Amino acid sequence: MKIETETDNGTITLRLIGRLQAEQIAQLNEEIEVSRAARICLRQVTLVDVEVVRFLTACEESGISIVNCSAYIREWMDRERQQEE
């Protein structure tokens, strides 16, 4: 996984690249806190696991926008949300 930071009119976006797995959540969470990112871009993400999907869902629920998310990840996030209800 690679993380790149972009700033657009004061809004910080973390662009994630590659495969995201559970063992990388702590690093990603730290990067979110340090940068105060408002968005996470998943355009170049190729693979995620269930823990990452749950983490992304929690990020979204805390107000961080998940953008450029592939359909399979978005559907998986929606299923996880439904199971929580």
C-alpha atoms as a PDB file:
ATOM      1  CA  MET A   1       0.000   0.000   0.000  1.00  0.00           C
ATOM      2  CA  LYS A   2       1.101   3.524  -0.739  1.00  0.00           C
ATOM      3  CA  ILE A   3      -0.441   6.716   0.662  1.00  0.00           C
ATOM      4  CA  GLU A   4      -0.210  10.069  -1.110  1.00  0.00           C
ATOM      5  CA  THR A   5      -1.538  13.338   0.313  1.00  0.00           C
ATOM      6  CA  GLU A   6      -3.263  15.970  -1.817  1.00  0.00           C
ATOM      7  CA  THR A   7      -4.612  19.371  -0.827  1.00  0.00           C
ATOM      8  CA  ASP A   8      -7.361  21.076  -2.798  1.00  0.00           C
ATOM      9  CA  ASN A   9      -8.629  24.436  -1.514  1.00  0.00           C
ATOM     10  CA  GLY A  10      -7.669  23.458   2.029  1.00  0.00           C
ATOM     11  CA  THR A  11      -9.305  20.011   1.876  1.00  0.00           C
ATOM     12  CA  ILE A  12      -6.849  17.198   2.483  1.00  0.00           C
ATOM     13  CA  THR A  13      -7.303  13.940   0.598  1.00  0.00           C
ATOM     14  CA  LEU A  14      -5.380  10.742   1.205  1.00  0.00           C
ATOM     15  CA  ARG A  15      -4.991   8.836  -2.041  1.00  0.00           C
ATOM     16  CA  LEU A  16      -4.500   5.131  -1.393  1.00  0.00           C
ATOM     17  CA  ILE A  17      -2.730   2.957  -3.926  1.00  0.00           C
ATOM     18  CA  GLY A  18      -2.481  -0.816  -4.089  1.00  0.00           C
ATOM     19  CA  ARG A  19      -3.763  -3.503  -1.755  1.00  0.00           C
ATOM     20  CA  LEU A  20      -5.138  -2.611   1.670  1.00  0.00           C
ATOM     21  CA  GLN A  21      -5.080  -5.212   4.397  1.00  0.00           C
ATOM     22  CA  ALA A  22      -5.913  -5.269   8.098  1.00  0.00           C
ATOM     23  CA  GLU A  23      -2.286  -4.923   9.193  1.00  0.00           C
ATOM     24  CA  GLN A  24      -2.131  -1.526   7.453  1.00  0.00           C
ATOM     25  CA  ILE A  25      -5.125  -0.006   9.269  1.00  0.00           C
ATOM     26  CA  ALA A  26      -3.020   1.426  12.115  1.00  0.00           C
ATOM     27  CA  GLN A  27      -0.728   3.197   9.637  1.00  0.00           C
ATOM     28  CA  LEU A  28      -3.702   4.541   7.702  1.00  0.00           C
ATOM     29  CA  ASN A  29      -5.461   5.691  10.863  1.00  0.00           C
ATOM     30  CA  GLU A  30      -2.313   7.506  12.002  1.00  0.00           C
ATOM     31  CA  GLU A  31      -2.005   9.211   8.619  1.00  0.00           C
ATOM     32  CA  ILE A  32      -5.638  10.344   8.827  1.00  0.00           C
ATOM     33  CA  GLU A  33      -5.089  11.821  12.286  1.00  0.00           C
ATOM     34  CA  VAL A  34      -1.791  13.521  11.451  1.00  0.00           C
ATOM     35  CA  SER A  35      -2.989  15.026   8.177  1.00  0.00           C
ATOM     36  CA  ARG A  36      -6.551  15.705   9.372  1.00  0.00           C
ATOM     37  CA  ALA A  37      -7.769  14.276   6.090  1.00  0.00           C
ATOM     38  CA  ALA A  38     -11.349  14.971   5.079  1.00  0.00           C
ATOM     39  CA  ARG A  39     -11.366  12.496   2.185  1.00  0.00           C
ATOM     40  CA  ILE A  40      -9.940   9.127   1.265  1.00  0.00           C
ATOM     41  CA  CYS A  41      -9.590   8.389  -2.442  1.00  0.00           C
ATOM     42  CA  LEU A  42      -9.737   4.716  -3.414  1.00  0.00           C
ATOM     43  CA  ARG A  43      -9.381   5.122  -7.210  1.00  0.00           C
ATOM     44  CA  GLN A  44      -6.142   3.110  -7.328  1.00  0.00           C
ATOM     45  CA  VAL A  45      -7.007   0.499  -4.690  1.00  0.00           C
ATOM     46  CA  THR A  46      -6.976  -2.997  -6.143  1.00  0.00           C
ATOM     47  CA  LEU A  47      -7.915  -5.192  -3.188  1.00  0.00           C
ATOM     48  CA  VAL A  48      -9.237  -4.863   0.372  1.00  0.00           C
ATOM     49  CA  ASP A  49     -10.130  -7.268   3.158  1.00  0.00           C
ATOM     50  CA  VAL A  50     -13.117  -7.251   5.498  1.00  0.00           C
ATOM     51  CA  GLU A  51     -11.324  -5.351   8.279  1.00  0.00           C
ATOM     52  CA  VAL A  52     -10.419  -2.566   5.860  1.00  0.00           C
ATOM     53  CA  VAL A  53     -14.028  -2.389   4.662  1.00  0.00           C
ATOM     54  CA  ARG A  54     -15.190  -2.045   8.271  1.00  0.00           C
ATOM     55  CA  PHE A  55     -12.550   0.624   8.904  1.00  0.00           C
ATOM     56  CA  LEU A  56     -13.599   2.593   5.817  1.00  0.00           C
ATOM     57  CA  THR A  57     -17.239   2.354   6.897  1.00  0.00           C
ATOM     58  CA  ALA A  58     -16.303   3.722  10.331  1.00  0.00           C
ATOM     59  CA  CYS A  59     -14.318   6.537   8.684  1.00  0.00           C
ATOM     60  CA  GLU A  60     -17.316   7.468   6.589  1.00  0.00           C
ATOM     61  CA  GLU A  61     -19.595   7.405   9.616  1.00  0.00           C
ATOM     62  CA  SER A  62     -17.190   9.771  11.411  1.00  0.00           C
ATOM     63  CA  GLY A  63     -17.453  12.293   8.578  1.00  0.00           C
ATOM     64  CA  ILE A  64     -14.563  11.372   6.288  1.00  0.00           C
ATOM     65  CA  SER A  65     -15.657  11.118   2.653  1.00  0.00           C
ATOM     66  CA  ILE A  66     -14.735   7.978   0.756  1.00  0.00           C
ATOM     67  CA  VAL A  67     -14.340   8.992  -2.908  1.00  0.00           C
ATOM     68  CA  ASN A  68     -13.663   7.183  -6.183  1.00  0.00           C
ATOM     69  CA  CYS A  69     -14.594   3.911  -4.565  1.00  0.00           C
ATOM     70  CA  SER A  70     -15.035   0.872  -6.822  1.00  0.00           C
ATOM     71  CA  ALA A  71     -18.500  -0.645  -6.954  1.00  0.00           C
ATOM     72  CA  TYR A  72     -17.476  -3.852  -5.186  1.00  0.00           C
ATOM     73  CA  ILE A  73     -16.004  -1.973  -2.214  1.00  0.00           C
ATOM     74  CA  ARG A  74     -19.029   0.342  -1.957  1.00  0.00           C
ATOM     75  CA  GLU A  75     -21.432  -2.613  -2.071  1.00  0.00           C
ATOM     76  CA  TRP A  76     -19.385  -4.424   0.568  1.00  0.00           C
ATOM     77  CA  MET A  77     -19.425  -1.332   2.799  1.00  0.00           C
ATOM     78  CA  ASP A  78     -23.215  -1.103   2.396  1.00  0.00           C
ATOM     79  CA  ARG A  79     -23.618  -4.794   3.331  1.00  0.00           C
ATOM     80  CA  GLU A  80     -21.450  -4.303   6.429  1.00  0.00           C
ATOM     81  CA  ARG A  81     -23.580  -1.315   7.440  1.00  0.00           C
ATOM     82  CA  GLN A  82     -26.780  -3.328   7.029  1.00  0.00           C
ATOM     83  CA  GLN A  83     -25.415  -6.155   9.164  1.00  0.00           C
ATOM     84  CA  GLU A  84     -24.668  -3.690  11.971  1.00  0.00           C
ATOM     85  CA  GLU A  85     -28.304  -2.563  12.129  1.00  0.00           C
END
